[in-house]
Amino acid sequence: MSPKNKIKLNLLRKKLDKLDSQLLKIIKKRSEIIKSVLLLKKYKNEIIDKRRISTILKKIKKESIKRNIDTKVTNRIWKNMIWAYIDFENRKFKKK
């Protein structure tokens, strides 16, 4: 890689690092909302709502197309995020 391209690469990586920091703030906010949602659930079997998951993924696909974002990328990100939060809810669930 040329020295000029190394400089460009480092600048782009700094931009990515800044975005990652913003994403972490958003994930923190999302996690707090998920905790509030979990308090409303009485039974552990209420954690997975297949209809809601389907609705979310369809909405994300539609928005991705509208914004010209690769739908396979956004689908994978959202599926992983949904299942990560399902795991989070299962670990944090306390029977009332």
N, C-alpha and C. Protein backbone atom coordinates (compact mmCIF):
# COMPACT_ATOMS: atom_id res chain seq x y z
N MET A 1 0.85 -1.17 0.00
CA MET A 1 0.00 0.00 0.00
C MET A 1 0.90 1.25 0.00
N SER A 2 0.52 2.19 -0.80
CA SER A 2 1.32 3.42 -0.91
C SER A 2 1.19 4.25 0.38
N PRO A 3 2.17 5.08 0.68
CA PRO A 3 2.08 5.94 1.87
C PRO A 3 0.84 6.84 1.85
N LYS A 4 0.48 7.31 0.68
CA LYS A 4 -0.71 8.16 0.55
C LYS A 4 -1.98 7.39 0.91
N ASN A 5 -2.05 6.14 0.45
CA ASN A 5 -3.21 5.31 0.76
C ASN A 5 -3.24 4.91 2.24
N LYS A 6 -2.07 4.75 2.85
CA LYS A 6 -2.02 4.44 4.28
C LYS A 6 -2.61 5.60 5.09
N ILE A 7 -2.30 6.80 4.67
CA ILE A 7 -2.85 7.99 5.34
C ILE A 7 -4.37 8.02 5.19
N LYS A 8 -4.85 7.77 3.98
CA LYS A 8 -6.29 7.74 3.72
C LYS A 8 -6.96 6.64 4.55
N LEU A 9 -6.31 5.48 4.60
CA LEU A 9 -6.85 4.36 5.38
C LEU A 9 -6.97 4.73 6.85
N ASN A 10 -5.95 5.36 7.40
CA ASN A 10 -5.98 5.76 8.80
C ASN A 10 -7.08 6.78 9.08
N LEU A 11 -7.31 7.70 8.15
CA LEU A 11 -8.39 8.68 8.30
C LEU A 11 -9.76 8.00 8.28
N LEU A 12 -9.91 7.06 7.37
CA LEU A 12 -11.17 6.32 7.29
C LEU A 12 -11.40 5.48 8.54
N ARG A 13 -10.34 4.89 9.07
CA ARG A 13 -10.46 4.09 10.29
C ARG A 13 -10.84 4.96 11.48
N LYS A 14 -10.33 6.19 11.52
CA LYS A 14 -10.71 7.12 12.60
C LYS A 14 -12.20 7.46 12.50
N LYS A 15 -12.70 7.62 11.28
CA LYS A 15 -14.13 7.88 11.08
C LYS A 15 -14.95 6.68 11.56
N LEU A 16 -14.48 5.48 11.25
CA LEU A 16 -15.17 4.26 11.70
C LEU A 16 -15.16 4.17 13.23
N ASP A 17 -14.04 4.50 13.84
CA ASP A 17 -13.94 4.48 15.31
C ASP A 17 -14.94 5.45 15.94
N LYS A 18 -15.08 6.61 15.33
CA LYS A 18 -16.04 7.60 15.83
C LYS A 18 -17.47 7.08 15.71
N LEU A 19 -17.78 6.46 14.57
CA LEU A 19 -19.10 5.86 14.39
C LEU A 19 -19.35 4.73 15.39
N ASP A 20 -18.32 3.91 15.63
CA ASP A 20 -18.45 2.83 16.61
C ASP A 20 -18.79 3.37 17.99
N SER A 21 -18.18 4.47 18.35
CA SER A 21 -18.47 5.11 19.63
C SER A 21 -19.92 5.57 19.70
N GLN A 22 -20.41 6.14 18.61
CA GLN A 22 -21.82 6.56 18.55
C GLN A 22 -22.75 5.35 18.63
N LEU A 23 -22.37 4.28 17.95
CA LEU A 23 -23.19 3.05 18.00
C LEU A 23 -23.27 2.50 19.42
N LEU A 24 -22.17 2.55 20.14
CA LEU A 24 -22.16 2.06 21.52
C LEU A 24 -23.12 2.87 22.40
N LYS A 25 -23.20 4.17 22.18
CA LYS A 25 -24.14 5.00 22.92
C LYS A 25 -25.58 4.60 22.60
N ILE A 26 -25.84 4.32 21.33
CA ILE A 26 -27.18 3.89 20.91
C ILE A 26 -27.51 2.52 21.51
N ILE A 27 -26.55 1.62 21.51
CA ILE A 27 -26.76 0.28 22.08
C ILE A 27 -27.06 0.38 23.58
N LYS A 28 -26.38 1.29 24.26
CA LYS A 28 -26.64 1.51 25.69
C LYS A 28 -28.09 1.96 25.89
N LYS A 29 -28.55 2.93 25.08
CA LYS A 29 -29.93 3.41 25.18
C LYS A 29 -30.92 2.28 24.87
N ARG A 30 -30.62 1.49 23.85
CA ARG A 30 -31.49 0.38 23.46
C ARG A 30 -31.58 -0.65 24.58
N SER A 31 -30.44 -0.90 25.22
CA SER A 31 -30.40 -1.87 26.32
C SER A 31 -31.26 -1.41 27.49
N GLU A 32 -31.24 -0.12 27.78
CA GLU A 32 -32.07 0.42 28.86
C GLU A 32 -33.55 0.25 28.54
N ILE A 33 -33.93 0.48 27.29
CA ILE A 33 -35.32 0.30 26.89
C ILE A 33 -35.71 -1.18 26.99
N ILE A 34 -34.82 -2.06 26.57
CA ILE A 34 -35.07 -3.51 26.65
C ILE A 34 -35.30 -3.92 28.10
N LYS A 35 -34.52 -3.36 29.01
CA LYS A 35 -34.71 -3.67 30.44
C LYS A 35 -36.11 -3.28 30.89
N SER A 36 -36.59 -2.13 30.44
CA SER A 36 -37.94 -1.68 30.78
C SER A 36 -39.00 -2.59 30.18
N VAL A 37 -38.77 -3.02 28.95
CA VAL A 37 -39.69 -3.95 28.29
C VAL A 37 -39.75 -5.26 29.08
N LEU A 38 -38.59 -5.72 29.50
CA LEU A 38 -38.51 -7.00 30.22
C LEU A 38 -39.31 -6.95 31.52
N LEU A 39 -39.33 -5.81 32.18
CA LEU A 39 -40.10 -5.67 33.43
C LEU A 39 -41.60 -5.88 33.21
N LEU A 40 -42.06 -5.67 31.98
CA LEU A 40 -43.48 -5.84 31.67
C LEU A 40 -43.84 -7.29 31.38
N LYS A 41 -42.85 -8.12 31.15
CA LYS A 41 -43.10 -9.51 30.80
C LYS A 41 -43.22 -10.36 32.05
N LYS A 42 -44.33 -11.09 32.12
CA LYS A 42 -44.60 -11.89 33.31
C LYS A 42 -44.01 -13.30 33.20
N TYR A 43 -44.00 -13.82 31.98
CA TYR A 43 -43.52 -15.18 31.76
C TYR A 43 -42.36 -15.19 30.76
N LYS A 44 -41.46 -16.12 30.97
CA LYS A 44 -40.27 -16.21 30.13
C LYS A 44 -40.64 -16.48 28.66
N ASN A 45 -41.74 -17.18 28.43
CA ASN A 45 -42.13 -17.48 27.05
C ASN A 45 -42.64 -16.25 26.29
N GLU A 46 -42.74 -15.11 26.97
CA GLU A 46 -43.13 -13.86 26.32
C GLU A 46 -41.92 -13.14 25.70
N ILE A 47 -40.74 -13.65 25.95
CA ILE A 47 -39.52 -13.00 25.46
C ILE A 47 -39.43 -13.04 23.94
N ILE A 48 -39.73 -14.18 23.35
CA ILE A 48 -39.64 -14.29 21.89
C ILE A 48 -41.02 -14.07 21.28
N ASP A 49 -41.11 -13.04 20.45
CA ASP A 49 -42.35 -12.71 19.74
C ASP A 49 -42.04 -12.79 18.25
N LYS A 50 -42.31 -13.94 17.66
CA LYS A 50 -41.97 -14.19 16.26
C LYS A 50 -42.63 -13.20 15.31
N ARG A 51 -43.84 -12.82 15.61
CA ARG A 51 -44.56 -11.86 14.75
C ARG A 51 -43.84 -10.51 14.79
N ARG A 52 -43.43 -10.08 15.97
CA ARG A 52 -42.70 -8.81 16.11
C ARG A 52 -41.36 -8.87 15.37
N ILE A 53 -40.66 -9.98 15.50
CA ILE A 53 -39.37 -10.14 14.81
C ILE A 53 -39.57 -10.04 13.30
N SER A 54 -40.57 -10.71 12.79
CA SER A 54 -40.87 -10.67 11.35
C SER A 54 -41.19 -9.25 10.90
N THR A 55 -41.99 -8.55 11.68
CA THR A 55 -42.35 -7.16 11.36
C THR A 55 -41.12 -6.27 11.32
N ILE A 56 -40.26 -6.42 12.31
CA ILE A 56 -39.02 -5.62 12.37
C ILE A 56 -38.17 -5.88 11.14
N LEU A 57 -37.95 -7.14 10.81
CA LEU A 57 -37.07 -7.48 9.69
C LEU A 57 -37.64 -6.99 8.35
N LYS A 58 -38.96 -7.05 8.19
CA LYS A 58 -39.58 -6.52 6.97
C LYS A 58 -39.40 -5.01 6.88
N LYS A 59 -39.58 -4.34 8.01
CA LYS A 59 -39.42 -2.89 8.06
C LYS A 59 -37.97 -2.49 7.74
N ILE A 60 -37.02 -3.21 8.30
CA ILE A 60 -35.61 -2.93 8.06
C ILE A 60 -35.26 -3.15 6.59
N LYS A 61 -35.81 -4.21 6.00
CA LYS A 61 -35.55 -4.47 4.58
C LYS A 61 -36.09 -3.33 3.72
N LYS A 62 -37.32 -2.90 4.01
CA LYS A 62 -37.94 -1.81 3.27
C LYS A 62 -37.13 -0.53 3.39
N GLU A 63 -36.71 -0.20 4.61
CA GLU A 63 -35.91 1.01 4.84
C GLU A 63 -34.54 0.91 4.18
N SER A 64 -33.97 -0.27 4.20
CA SER A 64 -32.66 -0.48 3.57
C SER A 64 -32.74 -0.25 2.07
N ILE A 65 -33.78 -0.77 1.46
CA ILE A 65 -33.97 -0.57 0.01
C ILE A 65 -34.15 0.91 -0.28
N LYS A 66 -34.98 1.57 0.52
CA LYS A 66 -35.25 2.99 0.35
C LYS A 66 -33.96 3.82 0.48
N ARG A 67 -33.08 3.41 1.38
CA ARG A 67 -31.84 4.17 1.63
C ARG A 67 -30.64 3.63 0.84
N ASN A 68 -30.91 2.66 -0.02
CA ASN A 68 -29.86 2.07 -0.86
C ASN A 68 -28.74 1.45 -0.03
N ILE A 69 -29.15 0.63 0.95
CA ILE A 69 -28.21 -0.10 1.80
C ILE A 69 -28.38 -1.58 1.49
N ASP A 70 -27.29 -2.30 1.44
CA ASP A 70 -27.33 -3.74 1.15
C ASP A 70 -28.24 -4.44 2.17
N THR A 71 -29.31 -5.03 1.69
CA THR A 71 -30.31 -5.65 2.58
C THR A 71 -29.77 -6.87 3.31
N LYS A 72 -28.81 -7.56 2.70
CA LYS A 72 -28.23 -8.73 3.38
C LYS A 72 -27.43 -8.29 4.60
N VAL A 73 -26.77 -7.16 4.49
CA VAL A 73 -26.00 -6.63 5.62
C VAL A 73 -26.94 -6.23 6.76
N THR A 74 -27.96 -5.43 6.43
CA THR A 74 -28.86 -4.96 7.49
C THR A 74 -29.66 -6.11 8.10
N ASN A 75 -30.06 -7.07 7.27
CA ASN A 75 -30.80 -8.22 7.80
C ASN A 75 -29.94 -8.99 8.80
N ARG A 76 -28.70 -9.22 8.45
CA ARG A 76 -27.82 -9.97 9.34
C ARG A 76 -27.56 -9.20 10.64
N ILE A 77 -27.35 -7.89 10.52
CA ILE A 77 -27.11 -7.07 11.71
C ILE A 77 -28.32 -7.13 12.64
N TRP A 78 -29.51 -6.92 12.07
CA TRP A 78 -30.71 -6.89 12.92
C TRP A 78 -31.02 -8.27 13.50
N LYS A 79 -30.86 -9.33 12.72
CA LYS A 79 -31.10 -10.67 13.27
C LYS A 79 -30.16 -10.94 14.43
N ASN A 80 -28.89 -10.60 14.25
CA ASN A 80 -27.92 -10.82 15.33
C ASN A 80 -28.26 -9.97 16.55
N MET A 81 -28.67 -8.72 16.32
CA MET A 81 -29.02 -7.85 17.43
C MET A 81 -30.26 -8.38 18.17
N ILE A 82 -31.26 -8.78 17.41
CA ILE A 82 -32.49 -9.32 18.02
C ILE A 82 -32.15 -10.53 18.88
N TRP A 83 -31.39 -11.47 18.35
CA TRP A 83 -31.07 -12.67 19.10
C TRP A 83 -30.13 -12.39 20.27
N ALA A 84 -29.28 -11.40 20.14
CA ALA A 84 -28.43 -11.00 21.27
C ALA A 84 -29.29 -10.45 22.40
N TYR A 85 -30.31 -9.67 22.06
CA TYR A 85 -31.20 -9.14 23.09
C TYR A 85 -32.14 -10.20 23.65
N ILE A 86 -32.52 -11.17 22.85
CA ILE A 86 -33.30 -12.30 23.38
C ILE A 86 -32.47 -13.03 24.42
N ASP A 87 -31.21 -13.27 24.10
CA ASP A 87 -30.30 -13.90 25.06
C ASP A 87 -30.17 -13.03 26.32
N PHE A 88 -30.02 -11.73 26.14
CA PHE A 88 -29.93 -10.78 27.25
C PHE A 88 -31.18 -10.87 28.13
N GLU A 89 -32.36 -10.87 27.51
CA GLU A 89 -33.61 -10.95 28.27
C GLU A 89 -33.71 -12.28 29.03
N ASN A 90 -33.32 -13.37 28.38
CA ASN A 90 -33.35 -14.66 29.05
C ASN A 90 -32.44 -14.69 30.27
N ARG A 91 -31.27 -14.06 30.15
CA ARG A 91 -30.34 -14.02 31.28
C ARG A 91 -30.84 -13.12 32.41
N LYS A 92 -31.54 -12.04 32.05
CA LYS A 92 -31.99 -11.06 33.05
C LYS A 92 -33.39 -11.34 33.59
N PHE A 93 -34.10 -12.26 32.98
CA PHE A 93 -35.49 -12.50 33.37
C PHE A 93 -35.57 -12.99 34.81
N LYS A 94 -36.47 -12.34 35.55
CA LYS A 94 -36.72 -12.76 36.94
C LYS A 94 -38.21 -12.99 37.07
N LYS A 95 -38.55 -14.19 37.48
CA LYS A 95 -39.96 -14.52 37.65
C LYS A 95 -40.55 -13.65 38.75
N LYS A 96 -41.73 -13.12 38.48
CA LYS A 96 -42.39 -12.26 39.47
C LYS A 96 -43.18 -13.09 40.45
